[in-house]
Amino acid sequence: MSLDLLREHALAKPDVEESLPFGPDVLVFKVSRKVFLLIPLDSHPLQFNAKCDPERALELREAYPSILPGYHMNKTHWNTVILDGSVPIPLVRELIDHSYALVAPKGRRKGN
C-alpha cells in the first residue's frame, strides 16, 4: 500500500485533520484532537503507527512478524505496521479504521 492510499483512507473519515506537529518527517492524523495514525515519511519500507485494543494488538503481533509494538509509543495500545507486503491490504485498512474508532467521539465512530 502506498503513502497516497494510506492518506486517502485516513482522510476519508469524518473530521480527520492531517498535520506535521513533529516536523516534516511524520504525518499525524487526528480526530477530535486525538491522534489515531502516524506515518513516518522517512521509513523504508513504509510503515505506520496505529492505536489498537491491547488484546488484539498481541494477537496481531503473534500472527504477523511485520506488526510490532508501537515505535516511540505506548506499546500496550499502539502497533507499528511495516508495509512489506506481508500484511494484507484489507487488514491494513481495517487497522486504520479500528484506530480511528478507538479515539473518535461516539457519534463519529463508524467512519467510512
PDB file of N, CA and C in Angstrom:
ATOM      1  N   MET A   1       0.860  -1.175   0.000  1.00  0.00           N
ATOM      2  CA  MET A   1       0.000   0.000   0.000  1.00  0.00           C
ATOM      3  C   MET A   1       0.902   1.233   0.000  1.00  0.00           C
ATOM      4  N   SER A   2       0.551   2.216  -0.759  1.00  0.00           N
ATOM      5  CA  SER A   2       1.368   3.424  -0.895  1.00  0.00           C
ATOM      6  C   SER A   2       0.981   4.478   0.139  1.00  0.00           C
ATOM      7  N   LEU A   3       1.852   5.458   0.299  1.00  0.00           N
ATOM      8  CA  LEU A   3       1.574   6.584   1.180  1.00  0.00           C
ATOM      9  C   LEU A   3       0.297   7.293   0.742  1.00  0.00           C
ATOM     10  N   ASP A   4       0.123   7.483  -0.543  1.00  0.00           N
ATOM     11  CA  ASP A   4      -1.079   8.172  -1.044  1.00  0.00           C
ATOM     12  C   ASP A   4      -2.352   7.420  -0.650  1.00  0.00           C
ATOM     13  N   LEU A   5      -2.328   6.097  -0.752  1.00  0.00           N
ATOM     14  CA  LEU A   5      -3.514   5.312  -0.384  1.00  0.00           C
ATOM     15  C   LEU A   5      -3.766   5.328   1.122  1.00  0.00           C
ATOM     16  N   LEU A   6      -2.710   5.313   1.919  1.00  0.00           N
ATOM     17  CA  LEU A   6      -2.876   5.436   3.376  1.00  0.00           C
ATOM     18  C   LEU A   6      -3.527   6.770   3.726  1.00  0.00           C
ATOM     19  N   ARG A   7      -2.996   7.837   3.161  1.00  0.00           N
ATOM     20  CA  ARG A   7      -3.535   9.180   3.413  1.00  0.00           C
ATOM     21  C   ARG A   7      -4.990   9.271   2.969  1.00  0.00           C
ATOM     22  N   GLU A   8      -5.266   8.780   1.775  1.00  0.00           N
ATOM     23  CA  GLU A   8      -6.622   8.832   1.231  1.00  0.00           C
ATOM     24  C   GLU A   8      -7.602   8.101   2.152  1.00  0.00           C
ATOM     25  N   HIS A   9      -7.204   6.937   2.639  1.00  0.00           N
ATOM     26  CA  HIS A   9      -8.087   6.157   3.517  1.00  0.00           C
ATOM     27  C   HIS A   9      -8.331   6.900   4.835  1.00  0.00           C
ATOM     28  N   ALA A  10      -7.283   7.440   5.421  1.00  0.00           N
ATOM     29  CA  ALA A  10      -7.431   8.155   6.697  1.00  0.00           C
ATOM     30  C   ALA A  10      -8.252   9.430   6.530  1.00  0.00           C
ATOM     31  N   LEU A  11      -7.984  10.180   5.486  1.00  0.00           N
ATOM     32  CA  LEU A  11      -8.671  11.461   5.288  1.00  0.00           C
ATOM     33  C   LEU A  11     -10.128  11.307   4.865  1.00  0.00           C
ATOM     34  N   ALA A  12     -10.524  10.121   4.439  1.00  0.00           N
ATOM     35  CA  ALA A  12     -11.920   9.885   4.048  1.00  0.00           C
ATOM     36  C   ALA A  12     -12.845   9.784   5.260  1.00  0.00           C
ATOM     37  N   LYS A  13     -12.278   9.657   6.422  1.00  0.00           N
ATOM     38  CA  LYS A  13     -13.089   9.523   7.640  1.00  0.00           C
ATOM     39  C   LYS A  13     -13.561  10.898   8.107  1.00  0.00           C
ATOM     40  N   PRO A  14     -14.696  10.954   8.796  1.00  0.00           N
ATOM     41  CA  PRO A  14     -15.235  12.241   9.238  1.00  0.00           C
ATOM     42  C   PRO A  14     -14.300  12.985  10.197  1.00  0.00           C
ATOM     43  N   ASP A  15     -14.160  14.274   9.965  1.00  0.00           N
ATOM     44  CA  ASP A  15     -13.479  15.202  10.868  1.00  0.00           C
ATOM     45  C   ASP A  15     -12.000  14.911  11.094  1.00  0.00           C
ATOM     46  N   VAL A  16     -11.342  14.264  10.157  1.00  0.00           N
ATOM     47  CA  VAL A  16      -9.921  13.958  10.300  1.00  0.00           C
ATOM     48  C   VAL A  16      -9.099  15.168   9.891  1.00  0.00           C
ATOM     49  N   GLU A  17      -8.072  15.439  10.686  1.00  0.00           N
ATOM     50  CA  GLU A  17      -7.121  16.501  10.387  1.00  0.00           C
ATOM     51  C   GLU A  17      -5.745  15.886  10.211  1.00  0.00           C
ATOM     52  N   GLU A  18      -5.020  16.364   9.212  1.00  0.00           N
ATOM     53  CA  GLU A  18      -3.663  15.916   8.939  1.00  0.00           C
ATOM     54  C   GLU A  18      -2.712  17.060   9.266  1.00  0.00           C
ATOM     55  N   SER A  19      -1.600  16.741   9.939  1.00  0.00           N
ATOM     56  CA  SER A  19      -0.641  17.788  10.273  1.00  0.00           C
ATOM     57  C   SER A  19       0.763  17.197  10.394  1.00  0.00           C
ATOM     58  N   LEU A  20       1.719  18.088  10.607  1.00  0.00           N
ATOM     59  CA  LEU A  20       3.117  17.712  10.789  1.00  0.00           C
ATOM     60  C   LEU A  20       3.639  18.330  12.097  1.00  0.00           C
ATOM     61  N   PRO A  21       3.061  17.991  13.254  1.00  0.00           N
ATOM     62  CA  PRO A  21       3.443  18.666  14.503  1.00  0.00           C
ATOM     63  C   PRO A  21       4.834  18.302  15.009  1.00  0.00           C
ATOM     64  N   PHE A  22       5.411  17.217  14.509  1.00  0.00           N
ATOM     65  CA  PHE A  22       6.726  16.785  14.975  1.00  0.00           C
ATOM     66  C   PHE A  22       7.818  17.092  13.961  1.00  0.00           C
ATOM     67  N   GLY A  23       7.521  17.967  13.017  1.00  0.00           N
ATOM     68  CA  GLY A  23       8.487  18.287  11.975  1.00  0.00           C
ATOM     69  C   GLY A  23       8.055  17.688  10.646  1.00  0.00           C
ATOM     70  N   PRO A  24       8.875  17.850   9.624  1.00  0.00           N
ATOM     71  CA  PRO A  24       8.462  17.471   8.271  1.00  0.00           C
ATOM     72  C   PRO A  24       8.501  15.973   7.972  1.00  0.00           C
ATOM     73  N   ASP A  25       8.917  15.166   8.933  1.00  0.00           N
ATOM     74  CA  ASP A  25       9.122  13.751   8.637  1.00  0.00           C
ATOM     75  C   ASP A  25       8.044  12.806   9.160  1.00  0.00           C
ATOM     76  N   VAL A  26       7.024  13.323   9.868  1.00  0.00           N
ATOM     77  CA  VAL A  26       5.984  12.441  10.417  1.00  0.00           C
ATOM     78  C   VAL A  26       4.607  13.064  10.181  1.00  0.00           C
ATOM     79  N   LEU A  27       3.805  12.390   9.355  1.00  0.00           N
ATOM     80  CA  LEU A  27       2.411  12.810   9.173  1.00  0.00           C
ATOM     81  C   LEU A  27       1.592  12.302  10.351  1.00  0.00           C
ATOM     82  N   VAL A  28       0.745  13.170  10.894  1.00  0.00           N
ATOM     83  CA  VAL A  28      -0.095  12.808  12.033  1.00  0.00           C
ATOM     84  C   VAL A  28      -1.552  13.056  11.654  1.00  0.00           C
ATOM     85  N   PHE A  29      -2.387  12.064  11.926  1.00  0.00           N
ATOM     86  CA  PHE A  29      -3.816  12.157  11.641  1.00  0.00           C
ATOM     87  C   PHE A  29      -4.564  12.126  12.961  1.00  0.00           C
ATOM     88  N   LYS A  30      -5.462  13.104  13.127  1.00  0.00           N
ATOM     89  CA  LYS A  30      -6.221  13.234  14.366  1.00  0.00           C
ATOM     90  C   LYS A  30      -7.702  13.344  14.068  1.00  0.00           C
ATOM     91  N   VAL A  31      -8.491  12.926  15.048  1.00  0.00           N
ATOM     92  CA  VAL A  31      -9.920  13.186  15.060  1.00  0.00           C
ATOM     93  C   VAL A  31     -10.227  13.717  16.453  1.00  0.00           C
ATOM     94  N   SER A  32     -10.935  14.833  16.522  1.00  0.00           N
ATOM     95  CA  SER A  32     -11.235  15.489  17.799  1.00  0.00           C
ATOM     96  C   SER A  32      -9.965  15.711  18.609  1.00  0.00           C
ATOM     97  N   ARG A  33      -8.922  16.151  17.942  1.00  0.00           N
ATOM     98  CA  ARG A  33      -7.623  16.471  18.540  1.00  0.00           C
ATOM     99  C   ARG A  33      -6.907  15.276  19.152  1.00  0.00           C
ATOM    100  N   LYS A  34      -7.363  14.055  18.828  1.00  0.00           N
ATOM    101  CA  LYS A  34      -6.719  12.847  19.330  1.00  0.00           C
ATOM    102  C   LYS A  34      -6.059  12.106  18.164  1.00  0.00           C
ATOM    103  N   VAL A  35      -4.824  11.717  18.354  1.00  0.00           N
ATOM    104  CA  VAL A  35      -4.059  11.028  17.318  1.00  0.00           C
ATOM    105  C   VAL A  35      -4.562   9.600  17.154  1.00  0.00           C
ATOM    106  N   PHE A  36      -4.739   9.184  15.893  1.00  0.00           N
ATOM    107  CA  PHE A  36      -5.074   7.789  15.627  1.00  0.00           C
ATOM    108  C   PHE A  36      -4.133   7.143  14.606  1.00  0.00           C
ATOM    109  N   LEU A  37      -3.311   7.948  13.937  1.00  0.00           N
ATOM    110  CA  LEU A  37      -2.413   7.392  12.932  1.00  0.00           C
ATOM    111  C   LEU A  37      -1.200   8.295  12.769  1.00  0.00           C
ATOM    112  N   LEU A  38      -0.011   7.685  12.759  1.00  0.00           N
ATOM    113  CA  LEU A  38       1.226   8.403  12.496  1.00  0.00           C
ATOM    114  C   LEU A  38       1.962   7.670  11.381  1.00  0.00           C
ATOM    115  N   ILE A  39       2.486   8.438  10.416  1.00  0.00           N
ATOM    116  CA  ILE A  39       3.216   7.840   9.305  1.00  0.00           C
ATOM    117  C   ILE A  39       4.570   8.539   9.186  1.00  0.00           C
ATOM    118  N   PRO A  40       5.647   7.842   9.565  1.00  0.00           N
ATOM    119  CA  PRO A  40       6.975   8.436   9.350  1.00  0.00           C
ATOM    120  C   PRO A  40       7.300   8.420   7.857  1.00  0.00           C
ATOM    121  N   LEU A  41       7.636   9.568   7.328  1.00  0.00           N
ATOM    122  CA  LEU A  41       7.847   9.690   5.887  1.00  0.00           C
ATOM    123  C   LEU A  41       9.217   9.202   5.433  1.00  0.00           C
ATOM    124  N   ASP A  42      10.125   8.989   6.366  1.00  0.00           N
ATOM    125  CA  ASP A  42      11.476   8.577   6.000  1.00  0.00           C
ATOM    126  C   ASP A  42      11.711   7.078   6.196  1.00  0.00           C
ATOM    127  N   SER A  43      10.657   6.301   6.408  1.00  0.00           N
ATOM    128  CA  SER A  43      10.834   4.862   6.634  1.00  0.00           C
ATOM    129  C   SER A  43      10.741   4.093   5.317  1.00  0.00           C
ATOM    130  N   HIS A  44      11.630   3.121   5.191  1.00  0.00           N
ATOM    131  CA  HIS A  44      11.636   2.250   4.006  1.00  0.00           C
ATOM    132  C   HIS A  44      11.829   0.826   4.495  1.00  0.00           C
ATOM    133  N   PRO A  45      10.875  -0.068   4.325  1.00  0.00           N
ATOM    134  CA  PRO A  45       9.597   0.170   3.666  1.00  0.00           C
ATOM    135  C   PRO A  45       8.693   1.073   4.507  1.00  0.00           C
ATOM    136  N   LEU A  46       7.668   1.576   3.853  1.00  0.00           N
ATOM    137  CA  LEU A  46       6.687   2.432   4.501  1.00  0.00           C
ATOM    138  C   LEU A  46       6.104   1.718   5.716  1.00  0.00           C
ATOM    139  N   GLN A  47       5.842   2.477   6.778  1.00  0.00           N
ATOM    140  CA  GLN A  47       5.212   1.921   7.969  1.00  0.00           C
ATOM    141  C   GLN A  47       4.316   2.974   8.593  1.00  0.00           C
ATOM    142  N   PHE A  48       3.507   2.537   9.547  1.00  0.00           N
ATOM    143  CA  PHE A  48       2.672   3.483  10.282  1.00  0.00           C
ATOM    144  C   PHE A  48       2.437   2.961  11.690  1.00  0.00           C
ATOM    145  N   ASN A  49       2.064   3.875  12.575  1.00  0.00           N
ATOM    146  CA  ASN A  49       1.652   3.536  13.932  1.00  0.00           C
ATOM    147  C   ASN A  49       0.156   3.771  14.032  1.00  0.00           C
ATOM    148  N   ALA A  50      -0.545   2.796  14.615  1.00  0.00           N
ATOM    149  CA  ALA A  50      -1.988   2.910  14.795  1.00  0.00           C
ATOM    150  C   ALA A  50      -2.355   2.393  16.180  1.00  0.00           C
ATOM    151  N   LYS A  51      -3.327   3.034  16.774  1.00  0.00           N
ATOM    152  CA  LYS A  51      -3.820   2.599  18.072  1.00  0.00           C
ATOM    153  C   LYS A  51      -4.558   1.272  17.904  1.00  0.00           C
ATOM    154  N   CYS A  52      -4.534   0.440  18.969  1.00  0.00           N
ATOM    155  CA  CYS A  52      -5.151  -0.875  18.864  1.00  0.00           C
ATOM    156  C   CYS A  52      -5.573  -1.358  20.241  1.00  0.00           C
ATOM    157  N   ASP A  53      -6.670  -2.072  20.291  1.00  0.00           N
ATOM    158  CA  ASP A  53      -7.093  -2.731  21.521  1.00  0.00           C
ATOM    159  C   ASP A  53      -5.940  -3.617  21.995  1.00  0.00           C
ATOM    160  N   PRO A  54      -5.559  -3.578  23.275  1.00  0.00           N
ATOM    161  CA  PRO A  54      -4.385  -4.319  23.748  1.00  0.00           C
ATOM    162  C   PRO A  54      -4.407  -5.823  23.462  1.00  0.00           C
ATOM    163  N   GLU A  55      -5.527  -6.481  23.658  1.00  0.00           N
ATOM    164  CA  GLU A  55      -5.585  -7.923  23.392  1.00  0.00           C
ATOM    165  C   GLU A  55      -5.412  -8.206  21.903  1.00  0.00           C
ATOM    166  N   ARG A  56      -6.065  -7.411  21.106  1.00  0.00           N
ATOM    167  CA  ARG A  56      -5.955  -7.591  19.653  1.00  0.00           C
ATOM    168  C   ARG A  56      -4.545  -7.287  19.182  1.00  0.00           C
ATOM    169  N   ALA A  57      -3.921  -6.291  19.787  1.00  0.00           N
ATOM    170  CA  ALA A  57      -2.548  -5.940  19.418  1.00  0.00           C
ATOM    171  C   ALA A  57      -1.625  -7.139  19.595  1.00  0.00           C
ATOM    172  N   LEU A  58      -1.761  -7.840  20.702  1.00  0.00           N
ATOM    173  CA  LEU A  58      -0.933  -9.018  20.953  1.00  0.00           C
ATOM    174  C   LEU A  58      -1.199 -10.114  19.923  1.00  0.00           C
ATOM    175  N   GLU A  59      -2.467 -10.334  19.609  1.00  0.00           N
ATOM    176  CA  GLU A  59      -2.820 -11.347  18.608  1.00  0.00           C
ATOM    177  C   GLU A  59      -2.214 -11.021  17.245  1.00  0.00           C
ATOM    178  N   LEU A  60      -2.298  -9.761  16.851  1.00  0.00           N
ATOM    179  CA  LEU A  60      -1.760  -9.336  15.564  1.00  0.00           C
ATOM    180  C   LEU A  60      -0.245  -9.498  15.516  1.00  0.00           C
ATOM    181  N   ARG A  61       0.423  -9.167  16.609  1.00  0.00           N
ATOM    182  CA  ARG A  61       1.887  -9.294  16.664  1.00  0.00           C
ATOM    183  C   ARG A  61       2.321 -10.743  16.557  1.00  0.00           C
ATOM    184  N   GLU A  62       1.511 -11.637  17.117  1.00  0.00           N
ATOM    185  CA  GLU A  62       1.831 -13.067  17.013  1.00  0.00           C
ATOM    186  C   GLU A  62       1.576 -13.592  15.595  1.00  0.00           C
ATOM    187  N   ALA A  63       0.583 -13.069  14.938  1.00  0.00           N
ATOM    188  CA  ALA A  63       0.209 -13.559  13.610  1.00  0.00           C
ATOM    189  C   ALA A  63       1.060 -12.972  12.484  1.00  0.00           C
ATOM    190  N   TYR A  64       1.575 -11.758  12.655  1.00  0.00           N
ATOM    191  CA  TYR A  64       2.303 -11.068  11.590  1.00  0.00           C
ATOM    192  C   TYR A  64       3.638 -10.532  12.109  1.00  0.00           C
ATOM    193  N   PRO A  65       4.739 -11.036  11.605  1.00  0.00           N
ATOM    194  CA  PRO A  65       6.053 -10.545  12.041  1.00  0.00           C
ATOM    195  C   PRO A  65       6.279  -9.056  11.759  1.00  0.00           C
ATOM    196  N   SER A  66       5.555  -8.487  10.812  1.00  0.00           N
ATOM    197  CA  SER A  66       5.733  -7.070  10.489  1.00  0.00           C
ATOM    198  C   SER A  66       4.758  -6.160  11.241  1.00  0.00           C
ATOM    199  N   ILE A  67       4.054  -6.704  12.244  1.00  0.00           N
ATOM    200  CA  ILE A  67       3.275  -5.882  13.168  1.00  0.00           C
ATOM    201  C   ILE A  67       3.984  -5.980  14.511  1.00  0.00           C
ATOM    202  N   LEU A  68       4.481  -4.838  14.960  1.00  0.00           N
ATOM    203  CA  LEU A  68       5.343  -4.754  16.139  1.00  0.00           C
ATOM    204  C   LEU A  68       4.755  -3.819  17.182  1.00  0.00           C
ATOM    205  N   PRO A  69       5.249  -3.881  18.419  1.00  0.00           N
ATOM    206  CA  PRO A  69       4.834  -2.872  19.402  1.00  0.00           C
ATOM    207  C   PRO A  69       5.145  -1.478  18.865  1.00  0.00           C
ATOM    208  N   GLY A  70       4.287  -0.529  19.151  1.00  0.00           N
ATOM    209  CA  GLY A  70       4.399   0.816  18.593  1.00  0.00           C
ATOM    210  C   GLY A  70       5.725   1.493  18.886  1.00  0.00           C
ATOM    211  N   TYR A  71       6.431   1.853  17.835  1.00  0.00           N
ATOM    212  CA  TYR A  71       7.718   2.539  17.951  1.00  0.00           C
ATOM    213  C   TYR A  71       7.507   3.934  18.522  1.00  0.00           C
ATOM    214  N   HIS A  72       8.180   4.257  19.605  1.00  0.00           N
ATOM    215  CA  HIS A  72       8.069   5.544  20.312  1.00  0.00           C
ATOM    216  C   HIS A  72       6.660   5.811  20.832  1.00  0.00           C
ATOM    217  N   MET A  73       5.892   4.751  21.077  1.00  0.00           N
ATOM    218  CA  MET A  73       4.513   4.894  21.530  1.00  0.00           C
ATOM    219  C   MET A  73       4.299   3.977  22.736  1.00  0.00           C
ATOM    220  N   ASN A  74       3.127   4.092  23.364  1.00  0.00           N
ATOM    221  CA  ASN A  74       2.750   3.158  24.423  1.00  0.00           C
ATOM    222  C   ASN A  74       2.559   1.797  23.765  1.00  0.00           C
ATOM    223  N   LYS A  75       3.421   0.872  24.087  1.00  0.00           N
ATOM    224  CA  LYS A  75       3.450  -0.414  23.392  1.00  0.00           C
ATOM    225  C   LYS A  75       2.262  -1.307  23.721  1.00  0.00           C
ATOM    226  N   THR A  76       1.508  -0.969  24.738  1.00  0.00           N
ATOM    227  CA  THR A  76       0.298  -1.716  25.053  1.00  0.00           C
ATOM    228  C   THR A  76      -0.824  -1.345  24.101  1.00  0.00           C
ATOM    229  N   HIS A  77      -0.878  -0.076  23.720  1.00  0.00           N
ATOM    230  CA  HIS A  77      -2.018   0.442  22.955  1.00  0.00           C
ATOM    231  C   HIS A  77      -1.713   0.808  21.510  1.00  0.00           C
ATOM    232  N   TRP A  78      -0.467   0.668  21.071  1.00  0.00           N
ATOM    233  CA  TRP A  78      -0.098   1.078  19.721  1.00  0.00           C
ATOM    234  C   TRP A  78       0.713  -0.008  19.032  1.00  0.00           C
ATOM    235  N   ASN A  79       0.467  -0.178  17.748  1.00  0.00           N
ATOM    236  CA  ASN A  79       1.248  -1.077  16.901  1.00  0.00           C
ATOM    237  C   ASN A  79       1.957  -0.269  15.829  1.00  0.00           C
ATOM    238  N   THR A  80       3.125  -0.747  15.448  1.00  0.00           N
ATOM    239  CA  THR A  80       3.787  -0.282  14.232  1.00  0.00           C
ATOM    240  C   THR A  80       3.562  -1.362  13.189  1.00  0.00           C
ATOM    241  N   VAL A  81       3.058  -0.963  12.038  1.00  0.00           N
ATOM    242  CA  VAL A  81       2.791  -1.889  10.947  1.00  0.00           C
ATOM    243  C   VAL A  81       3.757  -1.557   9.813  1.00  0.00           C
ATOM    244  N   ILE A  82       4.608  -2.518   9.490  1.00  0.00           N
ATOM    245  CA  ILE A  82       5.573  -2.343   8.401  1.00  0.00           C
ATOM    246  C   ILE A  82       4.934  -2.878   7.117  1.00  0.00           C
ATOM    247  N   LEU A  83       4.845  -2.025   6.127  1.00  0.00           N
ATOM    248  CA  LEU A  83       4.172  -2.386   4.883  1.00  0.00           C
ATOM    249  C   LEU A  83       5.164  -3.020   3.909  1.00  0.00           C
ATOM    250  N   ASP A  84       5.535  -4.251   4.235  1.00  0.00           N
ATOM    251  CA  ASP A  84       6.478  -5.002   3.418  1.00  0.00           C
ATOM    252  C   ASP A  84       5.782  -6.017   2.514  1.00  0.00           C
ATOM    253  N   GLY A  85       4.448  -5.959   2.451  1.00  0.00           N
ATOM    254  CA  GLY A  85       3.677  -6.874   1.628  1.00  0.00           C
ATOM    255  C   GLY A  85       3.146  -8.079   2.382  1.00  0.00           C
ATOM    256  N   SER A  86       3.559  -8.273   3.629  1.00  0.00           N
ATOM    257  CA  SER A  86       3.126  -9.446   4.383  1.00  0.00           C
ATOM    258  C   SER A  86       1.791  -9.241   5.108  1.00  0.00           C
ATOM    259  N   VAL A  87       1.380  -8.008   5.298  1.00  0.00           N
ATOM    260  CA  VAL A  87       0.084  -7.717   5.916  1.00  0.00           C
ATOM    261  C   VAL A  87      -0.901  -7.407   4.792  1.00  0.00           C
ATOM    262  N   PRO A  88      -1.991  -8.169   4.686  1.00  0.00           N
ATOM    263  CA  PRO A  88      -2.951  -7.937   3.600  1.00  0.00           C
ATOM    264  C   PRO A  88      -3.527  -6.513   3.641  1.00  0.00           C
ATOM    265  N   ILE A  89      -3.709  -5.931   2.467  1.00  0.00           N
ATOM    266  CA  ILE A  89      -4.210  -4.555   2.382  1.00  0.00           C
ATOM    267  C   ILE A  89      -5.570  -4.395   3.068  1.00  0.00           C
ATOM    268  N   PRO A  90      -6.512  -5.339   2.946  1.00  0.00           N
ATOM    269  CA  PRO A  90      -7.764  -5.168   3.687  1.00  0.00           C
ATOM    270  C   PRO A  90      -7.531  -5.077   5.208  1.00  0.00           C
ATOM    271  N   LEU A  91      -6.548  -5.813   5.718  1.00  0.00           N
ATOM    272  CA  LEU A  91      -6.236  -5.729   7.147  1.00  0.00           C
ATOM    273  C   LEU A  91      -5.610  -4.377   7.471  1.00  0.00           C
ATOM    274  N   VAL A  92      -4.764  -3.858   6.603  1.00  0.00           N
ATOM    275  CA  VAL A  92      -4.175  -2.532   6.809  1.00  0.00           C
ATOM    276  C   VAL A  92      -5.282  -1.494   6.949  1.00  0.00           C
ATOM    277  N   ARG A  93      -6.241  -1.537   6.040  1.00  0.00           N
ATOM    278  CA  ARG A  93      -7.369  -0.591   6.107  1.00  0.00           C
ATOM    279  C   ARG A  93      -8.157  -0.778   7.403  1.00  0.00           C
ATOM    280  N   GLU A  94      -8.394  -2.032   7.768  1.00  0.00           N
ATOM    281  CA  GLU A  94      -9.165  -2.325   8.977  1.00  0.00           C
ATOM    282  C   GLU A  94      -8.432  -1.830  10.227  1.00  0.00           C
ATOM    283  N   LEU A  95      -7.111  -1.923  10.244  1.00  0.00           N
ATOM    284  CA  LEU A  95      -6.338  -1.441  11.396  1.00  0.00           C
ATOM    285  C   LEU A  95      -6.452   0.078  11.531  1.00  0.00           C
ATOM    286  N   ILE A  96      -6.458   0.778  10.423  1.00  0.00           N
ATOM    287  CA  ILE A  96      -6.652   2.232  10.454  1.00  0.00           C
ATOM    288  C   ILE A  96      -8.066   2.553  10.931  1.00  0.00           C
ATOM    289  N   ASP A  97      -9.051   1.822  10.429  1.00  0.00           N
ATOM    290  CA  ASP A  97     -10.437   2.026  10.854  1.00  0.00           C
ATOM    291  C   ASP A  97     -10.591   1.774  12.357  1.00  0.00           C
ATOM    292  N   HIS A  98      -9.956   0.709  12.833  1.00  0.00           N
ATOM    293  CA  HIS A  98     -10.028   0.347  14.251  1.00  0.00           C
ATOM    294  C   HIS A  98      -9.407   1.454  15.115  1.00  0.00           C
ATOM    295  N   SER A  99      -8.268   1.953  14.700  1.00  0.00           N
ATOM    296  CA  SER A  99      -7.603   3.025  15.433  1.00  0.00           C
ATOM    297  C   SER A  99      -8.489   4.271  15.490  1.00  0.00           C
ATOM    298  N   TYR A 100      -9.055   4.623  14.354  1.00  0.00           N
ATOM    299  CA  TYR A 100      -9.971   5.767  14.298  1.00  0.00           C
ATOM    300  C   TYR A 100     -11.136   5.564  15.260  1.00  0.00           C
ATOM    301  N   ALA A 101     -11.726   4.384  15.243  1.00  0.00           N
ATOM    302  CA  ALA A 101     -12.888   4.095  16.093  1.00  0.00           C
ATOM    303  C   ALA A 101     -12.544   4.179  17.572  1.00  0.00           C
ATOM    304  N   LEU A 102     -11.326   3.851  17.929  1.00  0.00           N
ATOM    305  CA  LEU A 102     -10.931   3.911  19.333  1.00  0.00           C
ATOM    306  C   LEU A 102     -10.857   5.333  19.873  1.00  0.00           C
ATOM    307  N   VAL A 103     -10.550   6.297  19.015  1.00  0.00           N
ATOM    308  CA  VAL A 103     -10.378   7.670  19.503  1.00  0.00           C
ATOM    309  C   VAL A 103     -11.488   8.626  19.094  1.00  0.00           C
ATOM    310  N   ALA A 104     -12.283   8.279  18.095  1.00  0.00           N
ATOM    311  CA  ALA A 104     -13.337   9.181  17.607  1.00  0.00           C
ATOM    312  C   ALA A 104     -14.467   9.299  18.631  1.00  0.00           C
ATOM    313  N   PRO A 105     -15.098  10.465  18.701  1.00  0.00           N
ATOM    314  CA  PRO A 105     -16.279  10.595  19.564  1.00  0.00           C
ATOM    315  C   PRO A 105     -17.345   9.585  19.141  1.00  0.00           C
ATOM    316  N   LYS A 106     -18.198   9.205  20.051  1.00  0.00           N
ATOM    317  CA  LYS A 106     -19.187   8.156  19.781  1.00  0.00           C
ATOM    318  C   LYS A 106     -19.990   8.373  18.512  1.00  0.00           C
ATOM    319  N   GLY A 107     -20.383   9.566  18.224  1.00  0.00           N
ATOM    320  CA  GLY A 107     -21.186   9.831  17.035  1.00  0.00           C
ATOM    321  C   GLY A 107     -20.433   9.686  15.731  1.00  0.00           C
ATOM    322  N   ARG A 108     -19.106   9.592  15.782  1.00  0.00           N
ATOM    323  CA  ARG A 108     -18.273   9.542  14.581  1.00  0.00           C
ATOM    324  C   ARG A 108     -17.603   8.192  14.373  1.00  0.00           C
ATOM    325  N   ARG A 109     -17.805   7.246  15.233  1.00  0.00           N
ATOM    326  CA  ARG A 109     -17.007   6.022  15.233  1.00  0.00           C
ATOM    327  C   ARG A 109     -17.181   5.137  14.022  1.00  0.00           C
ATOM    328  N   LYS A 110     -18.263   5.237  13.311  1.00  0.00           N
ATOM    329  CA  LYS A 110     -18.438   4.340  12.163  1.00  0.00           C
ATOM    330  C   LYS A 110     -17.515   4.705  11.025  1.00  0.00           C
ATOM    331  N   GLY A 111     -17.252   5.991  10.801  1.00  0.00           N
ATOM    332  CA  GLY A 111     -16.323   6.400   9.741  1.00  0.00           C
ATOM    333  C   GLY A 111     -16.755   5.899   8.380  1.00  0.00           C
ATOM    334  N   ASN A 112     -15.801   5.783   7.474  1.00  0.00           N
ATOM    335  CA  ASN A 112     -16.061   5.279   6.111  1.00  0.00           C
ATOM    336  C   ASN A 112     -15.486   3.909   5.953  1.00  0.00           C
TER     337      ASN A 112
END
